[in-house]
Amino acid sequence: MPVTIGRNPPIGNAELNALRDAAWGDGEVGDQDWQSILRHSLGWVGATDGGRLVGFVNVAWDGGVHAFLLDPTVHPDYGRRGLGRALVREAAALARERGAEWLHVDYEDGLEPFYRACGFRPTAAGLLDLTAPMPDADGGRQRER
């Protein structure tokens, strides 16, 4: 049976958590409540094979012209078949059709060739870990209170 890619398919927490655990294997997903996340999304794209979820990407947005790829995931059994690229392409089309003008994605260095092949270009960006103590005004670390 061929893999089917669709926009905003009904996806349960258990099946998305199982896909994330299979793909990332870090055990950090656990019992994530995806319904509360998806409710705020611009949309999402899912890939299924015989009813089994084998790929997913969430398209978050700022309420304006910026959209963001989050949680792009392909089951390891389906890797290196073009499924990830197809998910990103469909997510970009969804974002464009819903009014986004820019699509952002953060990725680890090793994934740059994949995202370049999808049409992304690297840009400078910043990241602030909100779980860490905030730096003080001169750039040093503040003590936790």
N, C-alpha and C. Protein backbone atom coordinates (compact mmCIF):
# COMPACT_ATOMS: atom_id res chain seq x y z
N MET A 1 0.85 -1.17 0.00
CA MET A 1 0.00 0.00 0.00
C MET A 1 0.90 1.25 0.00
N PRO A 2 0.62 2.23 -0.84
CA PRO A 2 1.47 3.42 -0.89
C PRO A 2 1.24 4.34 0.31
N VAL A 3 2.26 5.12 0.63
CA VAL A 3 2.14 6.10 1.70
C VAL A 3 1.26 7.25 1.20
N THR A 4 0.34 7.69 2.05
CA THR A 4 -0.56 8.78 1.73
C THR A 4 -0.19 9.98 2.58
N ILE A 5 -0.08 11.14 1.94
CA ILE A 5 0.23 12.38 2.65
C ILE A 5 -1.01 13.26 2.63
N GLY A 6 -1.38 13.76 3.81
CA GLY A 6 -2.57 14.59 3.90
C GLY A 6 -2.42 15.73 4.87
N ARG A 7 -3.21 16.75 4.64
CA ARG A 7 -3.22 17.92 5.51
C ARG A 7 -4.24 17.76 6.63
N ASN A 8 -3.81 18.10 7.82
CA ASN A 8 -4.66 18.11 9.00
C ASN A 8 -5.45 16.82 9.22
N PRO A 9 -4.82 15.66 9.03
CA PRO A 9 -5.55 14.42 9.30
C PRO A 9 -5.76 14.30 10.81
N PRO A 10 -6.82 13.62 11.23
CA PRO A 10 -6.97 13.39 12.66
C PRO A 10 -5.81 12.53 13.17
N ILE A 11 -5.13 13.02 14.18
CA ILE A 11 -3.98 12.30 14.75
C ILE A 11 -4.16 12.27 16.26
N GLY A 12 -4.09 11.09 16.83
CA GLY A 12 -4.21 10.94 18.27
C GLY A 12 -2.86 11.11 18.96
N ASN A 13 -2.92 11.45 20.22
CA ASN A 13 -1.70 11.63 21.01
C ASN A 13 -0.84 10.37 21.02
N ALA A 14 -1.47 9.22 21.21
CA ALA A 14 -0.72 7.97 21.33
C ALA A 14 0.05 7.66 20.05
N GLU A 15 -0.60 7.83 18.89
CA GLU A 15 0.11 7.50 17.65
C GLU A 15 1.21 8.49 17.33
N LEU A 16 1.01 9.76 17.65
CA LEU A 16 2.07 10.74 17.40
C LEU A 16 3.22 10.56 18.38
N ASN A 17 2.92 10.26 19.63
CA ASN A 17 3.98 9.98 20.60
C ASN A 17 4.77 8.73 20.20
N ALA A 18 4.08 7.71 19.69
CA ALA A 18 4.76 6.48 19.26
C ALA A 18 5.68 6.77 18.07
N LEU A 19 5.22 7.58 17.12
CA LEU A 19 6.06 7.95 15.98
C LEU A 19 7.28 8.71 16.44
N ARG A 20 7.10 9.69 17.31
CA ARG A 20 8.23 10.48 17.81
C ARG A 20 9.22 9.60 18.57
N ASP A 21 8.73 8.69 19.39
CA ASP A 21 9.62 7.79 20.12
C ASP A 21 10.41 6.90 19.17
N ALA A 22 9.75 6.39 18.13
CA ALA A 22 10.43 5.52 17.16
C ALA A 22 11.50 6.31 16.40
N ALA A 23 11.18 7.54 16.02
CA ALA A 23 12.09 8.33 15.20
C ALA A 23 13.23 8.94 16.01
N TRP A 24 12.94 9.42 17.18
CA TRP A 24 13.95 10.14 17.95
C TRP A 24 14.55 9.28 19.05
N GLY A 25 13.81 8.27 19.52
CA GLY A 25 14.34 7.31 20.48
C GLY A 25 14.92 7.90 21.74
N ASP A 26 14.54 9.14 22.07
CA ASP A 26 15.14 9.76 23.25
C ASP A 26 14.26 9.61 24.48
N GLY A 27 13.07 9.06 24.31
CA GLY A 27 12.19 8.86 25.45
C GLY A 27 11.67 10.13 26.07
N GLU A 28 11.96 11.29 25.46
CA GLU A 28 11.53 12.57 26.03
C GLU A 28 10.08 12.90 25.70
N VAL A 29 9.52 12.28 24.68
CA VAL A 29 8.17 12.63 24.26
C VAL A 29 7.16 12.19 25.30
N GLY A 30 7.23 10.94 25.70
CA GLY A 30 6.33 10.44 26.73
C GLY A 30 4.88 10.58 26.35
N ASP A 31 4.14 11.26 27.18
CA ASP A 31 2.71 11.43 26.98
C ASP A 31 2.37 12.86 26.60
N GLN A 32 3.03 13.39 25.58
CA GLN A 32 2.79 14.75 25.11
C GLN A 32 1.34 14.90 24.66
N ASP A 33 0.70 15.99 25.07
CA ASP A 33 -0.66 16.30 24.63
C ASP A 33 -0.58 17.11 23.34
N TRP A 34 -0.63 16.43 22.21
CA TRP A 34 -0.50 17.08 20.91
C TRP A 34 -1.75 17.85 20.53
N GLN A 35 -2.90 17.49 21.07
CA GLN A 35 -4.14 18.17 20.69
C GLN A 35 -4.09 19.65 21.09
N SER A 36 -3.54 19.94 22.25
CA SER A 36 -3.44 21.34 22.69
C SER A 36 -2.46 22.12 21.82
N ILE A 37 -1.45 21.43 21.27
CA ILE A 37 -0.49 22.08 20.37
C ILE A 37 -1.11 22.29 19.00
N LEU A 38 -1.73 21.26 18.46
CA LEU A 38 -2.28 21.34 17.11
C LEU A 38 -3.43 22.35 17.01
N ARG A 39 -4.14 22.55 18.11
CA ARG A 39 -5.23 23.54 18.13
C ARG A 39 -4.75 24.93 17.76
N HIS A 40 -3.48 25.22 18.04
CA HIS A 40 -2.92 26.55 17.80
C HIS A 40 -2.10 26.61 16.51
N SER A 41 -2.03 25.53 15.77
CA SER A 41 -1.20 25.47 14.57
C SER A 41 -1.89 26.11 13.38
N LEU A 42 -1.09 26.52 12.42
CA LEU A 42 -1.62 26.93 11.13
C LEU A 42 -2.15 25.69 10.41
N GLY A 43 -1.52 24.56 10.66
CA GLY A 43 -1.93 23.27 10.11
C GLY A 43 -0.83 22.26 10.36
N TRP A 44 -1.05 21.05 9.89
CA TRP A 44 -0.04 20.01 10.00
C TRP A 44 -0.20 19.05 8.83
N VAL A 45 0.83 18.27 8.62
CA VAL A 45 0.83 17.31 7.54
C VAL A 45 1.19 15.95 8.13
N GLY A 46 0.43 14.95 7.76
CA GLY A 46 0.70 13.60 8.24
C GLY A 46 0.87 12.65 7.07
N ALA A 47 1.67 11.63 7.26
CA ALA A 47 1.86 10.58 6.27
C ALA A 47 1.47 9.26 6.91
N THR A 48 0.65 8.49 6.20
CA THR A 48 0.21 7.21 6.72
C THR A 48 0.47 6.10 5.71
N ASP A 49 0.65 4.92 6.24
CA ASP A 49 0.80 3.72 5.42
C ASP A 49 -0.16 2.70 6.00
N GLY A 50 -1.24 2.45 5.29
CA GLY A 50 -2.24 1.50 5.78
C GLY A 50 -2.85 1.92 7.10
N GLY A 51 -3.02 3.20 7.31
CA GLY A 51 -3.59 3.71 8.55
C GLY A 51 -2.58 3.95 9.65
N ARG A 52 -1.33 3.56 9.45
CA ARG A 52 -0.26 3.75 10.45
C ARG A 52 0.44 5.07 10.18
N LEU A 53 0.57 5.92 11.20
CA LEU A 53 1.26 7.20 11.06
C LEU A 53 2.76 6.96 10.91
N VAL A 54 3.33 7.41 9.78
CA VAL A 54 4.76 7.18 9.52
C VAL A 54 5.52 8.48 9.28
N GLY A 55 4.82 9.61 9.26
CA GLY A 55 5.47 10.89 9.08
C GLY A 55 4.58 12.02 9.56
N PHE A 56 5.21 13.12 9.98
CA PHE A 56 4.45 14.24 10.55
C PHE A 56 5.30 15.50 10.51
N VAL A 57 4.66 16.63 10.29
CA VAL A 57 5.28 17.93 10.51
C VAL A 57 4.18 18.91 10.90
N ASN A 58 4.47 19.71 11.91
CA ASN A 58 3.56 20.74 12.40
C ASN A 58 3.96 22.08 11.78
N VAL A 59 2.98 22.88 11.38
CA VAL A 59 3.24 24.22 10.87
C VAL A 59 2.66 25.22 11.87
N ALA A 60 3.55 25.77 12.68
CA ALA A 60 3.15 26.80 13.65
C ALA A 60 3.22 28.15 12.95
N TRP A 61 2.67 29.17 13.58
CA TRP A 61 2.72 30.49 12.95
C TRP A 61 2.61 31.59 13.98
N ASP A 62 2.88 32.80 13.53
CA ASP A 62 2.83 33.96 14.42
C ASP A 62 1.53 34.73 14.29
N GLY A 63 0.58 34.23 13.53
CA GLY A 63 -0.68 34.94 13.31
C GLY A 63 -0.58 35.92 12.15
N GLY A 64 0.60 36.01 11.54
CA GLY A 64 0.82 36.94 10.44
C GLY A 64 1.43 36.22 9.26
N VAL A 65 2.61 36.67 8.84
CA VAL A 65 3.22 36.15 7.62
C VAL A 65 4.35 35.15 7.86
N HIS A 66 4.65 34.83 9.11
CA HIS A 66 5.73 33.89 9.42
C HIS A 66 5.16 32.56 9.89
N ALA A 67 5.62 31.49 9.26
CA ALA A 67 5.26 30.13 9.67
C ALA A 67 6.54 29.40 10.03
N PHE A 68 6.40 28.35 10.81
CA PHE A 68 7.56 27.64 11.36
C PHE A 68 7.32 26.13 11.29
N LEU A 69 8.28 25.40 10.75
CA LEU A 69 8.20 23.95 10.79
C LEU A 69 8.63 23.47 12.17
N LEU A 70 7.79 22.67 12.78
CA LEU A 70 8.12 22.09 14.09
C LEU A 70 7.88 20.60 14.05
N ASP A 71 8.70 19.87 14.74
CA ASP A 71 8.55 18.43 14.92
C ASP A 71 8.51 17.62 13.63
N PRO A 72 9.30 17.99 12.59
CA PRO A 72 9.30 17.13 11.41
C PRO A 72 9.86 15.76 11.77
N THR A 73 9.08 14.73 11.46
CA THR A 73 9.42 13.38 11.90
C THR A 73 9.05 12.36 10.83
N VAL A 74 9.97 11.46 10.54
CA VAL A 74 9.71 10.32 9.66
C VAL A 74 10.12 9.06 10.41
N HIS A 75 9.24 8.07 10.39
CA HIS A 75 9.57 6.79 11.04
C HIS A 75 10.84 6.24 10.40
N PRO A 76 11.77 5.70 11.20
CA PRO A 76 13.03 5.20 10.64
C PRO A 76 12.87 4.14 9.55
N ASP A 77 11.79 3.37 9.59
CA ASP A 77 11.56 2.37 8.54
C ASP A 77 11.25 3.01 7.18
N TYR A 78 10.96 4.32 7.17
CA TYR A 78 10.57 5.01 5.94
C TYR A 78 11.59 6.07 5.54
N GLY A 79 12.75 6.05 6.17
CA GLY A 79 13.78 7.02 5.86
C GLY A 79 14.41 6.80 4.50
N ARG A 80 14.97 7.87 3.98
CA ARG A 80 15.72 7.84 2.71
C ARG A 80 14.86 7.40 1.52
N ARG A 81 13.57 7.76 1.57
CA ARG A 81 12.66 7.46 0.47
C ARG A 81 12.03 8.73 -0.11
N GLY A 82 12.45 9.88 0.41
CA GLY A 82 11.86 11.14 -0.05
C GLY A 82 10.64 11.58 0.73
N LEU A 83 10.27 10.83 1.75
CA LEU A 83 9.07 11.16 2.52
C LEU A 83 9.25 12.47 3.29
N GLY A 84 10.40 12.67 3.90
CA GLY A 84 10.64 13.92 4.63
C GLY A 84 10.51 15.12 3.72
N ARG A 85 11.11 15.04 2.55
CA ARG A 85 11.04 16.14 1.58
C ARG A 85 9.59 16.37 1.13
N ALA A 86 8.84 15.30 0.94
CA ALA A 86 7.43 15.43 0.54
C ALA A 86 6.61 16.09 1.65
N LEU A 87 6.89 15.73 2.91
CA LEU A 87 6.19 16.37 4.03
C LEU A 87 6.50 17.86 4.09
N VAL A 88 7.76 18.22 3.93
CA VAL A 88 8.15 19.64 3.97
C VAL A 88 7.52 20.39 2.80
N ARG A 89 7.52 19.80 1.62
CA ARG A 89 6.93 20.44 0.44
C ARG A 89 5.43 20.71 0.67
N GLU A 90 4.72 19.72 1.22
CA GLU A 90 3.28 19.89 1.48
C GLU A 90 3.04 20.91 2.59
N ALA A 91 3.90 20.92 3.61
CA ALA A 91 3.78 21.90 4.68
C ALA A 91 4.00 23.31 4.13
N ALA A 92 4.96 23.48 3.24
CA ALA A 92 5.22 24.79 2.63
C ALA A 92 4.03 25.24 1.79
N ALA A 93 3.43 24.32 1.04
CA ALA A 93 2.26 24.66 0.24
C ALA A 93 1.09 25.08 1.14
N LEU A 94 0.89 24.35 2.23
CA LEU A 94 -0.17 24.68 3.19
C LEU A 94 0.05 26.08 3.76
N ALA A 95 1.27 26.36 4.19
CA ALA A 95 1.58 27.68 4.77
C ALA A 95 1.36 28.79 3.74
N ARG A 96 1.82 28.59 2.53
CA ARG A 96 1.65 29.60 1.47
C ARG A 96 0.17 29.86 1.22
N GLU A 97 -0.62 28.80 1.10
CA GLU A 97 -2.05 28.95 0.83
C GLU A 97 -2.79 29.64 1.97
N ARG A 98 -2.26 29.55 3.17
CA ARG A 98 -2.91 30.20 4.32
C ARG A 98 -2.33 31.57 4.63
N GLY A 99 -1.54 32.11 3.70
CA GLY A 99 -1.10 33.49 3.81
C GLY A 99 0.30 33.73 4.33
N ALA A 100 1.02 32.70 4.68
CA ALA A 100 2.39 32.90 5.16
C ALA A 100 3.29 33.30 3.99
N GLU A 101 4.23 34.17 4.28
CA GLU A 101 5.19 34.61 3.28
C GLU A 101 6.59 34.07 3.55
N TRP A 102 6.83 33.63 4.78
CA TRP A 102 8.14 33.12 5.18
C TRP A 102 7.93 31.82 5.95
N LEU A 103 8.80 30.85 5.67
CA LEU A 103 8.76 29.58 6.40
C LEU A 103 10.12 29.38 7.05
N HIS A 104 10.12 29.26 8.36
CA HIS A 104 11.34 29.12 9.14
C HIS A 104 11.47 27.68 9.63
N VAL A 105 12.71 27.25 9.83
CA VAL A 105 12.96 25.96 10.47
C VAL A 105 14.30 26.04 11.20
N ASP A 106 14.36 25.47 12.37
CA ASP A 106 15.62 25.30 13.11
C ASP A 106 16.04 23.85 12.93
N TYR A 107 17.33 23.63 12.80
CA TYR A 107 17.81 22.27 12.62
C TYR A 107 19.24 22.16 13.11
N GLU A 108 19.64 20.93 13.39
CA GLU A 108 21.01 20.64 13.78
C GLU A 108 21.90 20.68 12.54
N ASP A 109 23.19 20.93 12.74
CA ASP A 109 24.13 21.06 11.62
C ASP A 109 24.04 19.92 10.62
N GLY A 110 23.92 18.71 11.09
CA GLY A 110 23.91 17.55 10.20
C GLY A 110 22.71 17.49 9.27
N LEU A 111 21.68 18.27 9.57
CA LEU A 111 20.48 18.27 8.73
C LEU A 111 20.49 19.37 7.68
N GLU A 112 21.55 20.18 7.65
CA GLU A 112 21.59 21.27 6.67
C GLU A 112 21.46 20.77 5.23
N PRO A 113 22.13 19.70 4.81
CA PRO A 113 21.95 19.24 3.42
C PRO A 113 20.48 18.90 3.09
N PHE A 114 19.79 18.29 4.04
CA PHE A 114 18.38 17.96 3.82
C PHE A 114 17.56 19.23 3.60
N TYR A 115 17.72 20.20 4.50
CA TYR A 115 16.91 21.42 4.39
C TYR A 115 17.31 22.27 3.19
N ARG A 116 18.58 22.26 2.83
CA ARG A 116 18.99 22.94 1.59
C ARG A 116 18.31 22.29 0.38
N ALA A 117 18.25 20.97 0.36
CA ALA A 117 17.58 20.26 -0.73
C ALA A 117 16.08 20.58 -0.78
N CYS A 118 15.52 20.96 0.36
CA CYS A 118 14.11 21.37 0.42
C CYS A 118 13.92 22.83 0.03
N GLY A 119 15.02 23.56 -0.21
CA GLY A 119 14.92 24.95 -0.63
C GLY A 119 15.21 25.98 0.43
N PHE A 120 15.52 25.54 1.65
CA PHE A 120 15.84 26.49 2.71
C PHE A 120 17.27 26.99 2.54
N ARG A 121 17.51 28.20 3.00
CA ARG A 121 18.87 28.73 3.03
C ARG A 121 19.19 29.06 4.48
N PRO A 122 20.43 28.86 4.88
CA PRO A 122 20.81 29.15 6.27
C PRO A 122 20.72 30.65 6.54
N THR A 123 20.32 30.99 7.74
CA THR A 123 20.28 32.38 8.19
C THR A 123 20.83 32.43 9.61
N ALA A 124 21.29 33.59 10.00
CA ALA A 124 21.73 33.77 11.39
C ALA A 124 20.48 33.83 12.27
N ALA A 125 20.55 33.23 13.41
CA ALA A 125 19.42 33.25 14.34
C ALA A 125 19.97 33.19 15.75
N GLY A 126 19.14 33.50 16.68
CA GLY A 126 19.51 33.42 18.09
C GLY A 126 18.56 32.48 18.81
N LEU A 127 19.02 31.96 19.93
CA LEU A 127 18.22 31.06 20.72
C LEU A 127 18.49 31.34 22.19
N LEU A 128 17.45 31.51 22.95
CA LEU A 128 17.56 31.77 24.38
C LEU A 128 16.90 30.62 25.13
N ASP A 129 17.65 29.95 25.97
CA ASP A 129 17.14 28.85 26.79
C ASP A 129 16.40 29.45 27.97
N LEU A 130 15.08 29.42 27.92
CA LEU A 130 14.27 30.04 28.97
C LEU A 130 14.22 29.21 30.25
N THR A 131 14.80 28.02 30.22
CA THR A 131 14.86 27.21 31.43
C THR A 131 16.13 27.48 32.23
N ALA A 132 17.06 28.23 31.64
CA ALA A 132 18.32 28.57 32.30
C ALA A 132 18.21 29.95 32.95
N PRO A 133 19.08 30.23 33.91
CA PRO A 133 19.07 31.58 34.50
C PRO A 133 19.32 32.62 33.42
N MET A 134 18.64 33.74 33.55
CA MET A 134 18.77 34.83 32.58
C MET A 134 20.10 35.56 32.79
N PRO A 135 20.74 35.99 31.69
CA PRO A 135 21.96 36.79 31.84
C PRO A 135 21.60 38.16 32.41
N ASP A 136 22.54 38.76 33.15
CA ASP A 136 22.28 40.10 33.65
C ASP A 136 22.58 41.11 32.54
N ALA A 137 22.46 42.38 32.83
CA ALA A 137 22.58 43.43 31.83
C ALA A 137 23.93 43.46 31.13
N ASP A 138 25.02 43.04 31.81
CA ASP A 138 26.33 43.08 31.16
C ASP A 138 26.72 41.74 30.53
N GLY A 139 25.76 40.82 30.39
CA GLY A 139 26.02 39.56 29.71
C GLY A 139 26.43 38.42 30.62
N GLY A 140 26.68 38.71 31.90
CA GLY A 140 27.02 37.64 32.84
C GLY A 140 25.78 36.89 33.27
N ARG A 141 25.97 35.81 33.97
CA ARG A 141 24.83 35.02 34.44
C ARG A 141 24.32 35.55 35.76
N GLN A 142 23.04 35.71 35.87
CA GLN A 142 22.44 36.09 37.14
C GLN A 142 22.36 34.86 38.02
N ARG A 143 22.45 35.09 39.29
CA ARG A 143 22.24 34.00 40.22
C ARG A 143 20.75 33.71 40.32
N GLU A 144 20.43 32.45 40.50
CA GLU A 144 19.02 32.10 40.69
C GLU A 144 18.59 32.61 42.05
N ARG A 145 17.36 33.01 42.13
CA ARG A 145 16.85 33.58 43.38
C ARG A 145 16.24 32.53 44.25
